Amino acid sequence: MPKHIAPRESEMNLAELRGDCARMAPHWVVPTKTATAPVAPSLIHGVTVPPASARLIDAMSEYGD
């Protein structure tokens, strides 16, 4: 049985990629959309942020200066 060898990314052009996607589209299942209600801030608890992450965000001027 011959093995199919996929081309390297650099060997595939945009038209081939779009064609592959178009052939696969019928196989993709789209989940039904469900509306989620916002959660009250009083119900959010137990969230922890690692100190390194907090320092990183604190150092970014877009986030609070």
Protein backbone atom coordinates (compact mmCIF):
# COMPACT_ATOMS: atom_id res chain seq x y z
CA MET A 1 0.00 0.00 0.00
CA PRO A 2 1.63 3.31 -1.04
CA LYS A 3 2.07 5.93 1.63
CA HIS A 4 0.81 9.45 1.02
CA ILE A 5 3.46 12.01 1.79
CA ALA A 6 2.13 15.48 2.52
CA PRO A 7 3.97 18.34 0.82
CA ARG A 8 6.06 20.65 2.93
CA GLU A 9 4.33 23.91 3.86
CA SER A 10 6.65 25.88 1.62
CA GLU A 11 5.61 23.71 -1.34
CA MET A 12 1.88 24.36 -0.90
CA ASN A 13 0.42 27.47 -2.48
CA LEU A 14 -2.60 29.46 -1.33
CA ALA A 15 -4.92 28.03 -4.00
CA GLU A 16 -4.11 24.48 -2.89
CA LEU A 17 -4.65 25.39 0.74
CA ARG A 18 -8.02 26.99 -0.02
CA GLY A 19 -9.01 23.92 -2.03
CA ASP A 20 -8.10 21.62 0.84
CA CYS A 21 -10.15 23.76 3.23
CA ALA A 22 -13.13 23.79 0.87
CA ARG A 23 -13.05 19.98 0.65
CA MET A 24 -12.87 19.65 4.44
CA ALA A 25 -15.59 22.23 5.22
CA PRO A 26 -18.50 19.77 4.87
CA HIS A 27 -16.84 17.57 7.52
CA TRP A 28 -16.61 20.34 10.14
CA VAL A 29 -19.40 20.49 12.66
CA VAL A 30 -20.44 23.95 13.79
CA PRO A 31 -21.53 23.94 17.43
CA THR A 32 -24.83 25.54 18.27
CA LYS A 33 -24.45 28.95 19.81
CA THR A 34 -25.62 29.28 23.35
CA ALA A 35 -26.00 32.63 25.03
CA THR A 36 -24.15 32.80 28.31
CA ALA A 37 -25.31 35.10 31.04
CA PRO A 38 -22.73 37.40 32.62
CA VAL A 39 -21.44 36.31 36.00
CA ALA A 40 -21.90 38.68 38.91
CA PRO A 41 -18.56 39.89 40.30
CA SER A 42 -19.64 38.74 43.76
CA LEU A 43 -19.63 35.14 42.48
CA ILE A 44 -16.04 35.29 41.24
CA HIS A 45 -13.67 34.11 43.93
CA GLY A 46 -10.60 31.96 44.28
CA VAL A 47 -8.75 33.48 41.33
CA THR A 48 -5.01 33.62 41.91
CA VAL A 49 -2.41 35.34 39.77
CA PRO A 50 1.22 34.24 39.99
CA PRO A 51 3.49 37.05 41.25
CA ALA A 52 5.57 37.01 38.05
CA SER A 53 2.44 37.56 35.95
CA ALA A 54 1.23 40.34 38.22
CA ARG A 55 4.63 42.08 37.94
CA LEU A 56 4.56 41.73 34.16
CA ILE A 57 1.12 43.31 33.88
CA ASP A 58 2.02 45.99 36.42
CA ALA A 59 5.03 46.95 34.29
CA MET A 60 2.90 47.44 31.17
CA SER A 61 1.76 51.05 30.96
CA GLU A 62 -1.37 50.23 28.91
CA TYR A 63 -2.74 48.31 31.88
CA GLY A 64 -3.14 50.92 34.51
CA ASP A 65 -0.76 53.87 34.44
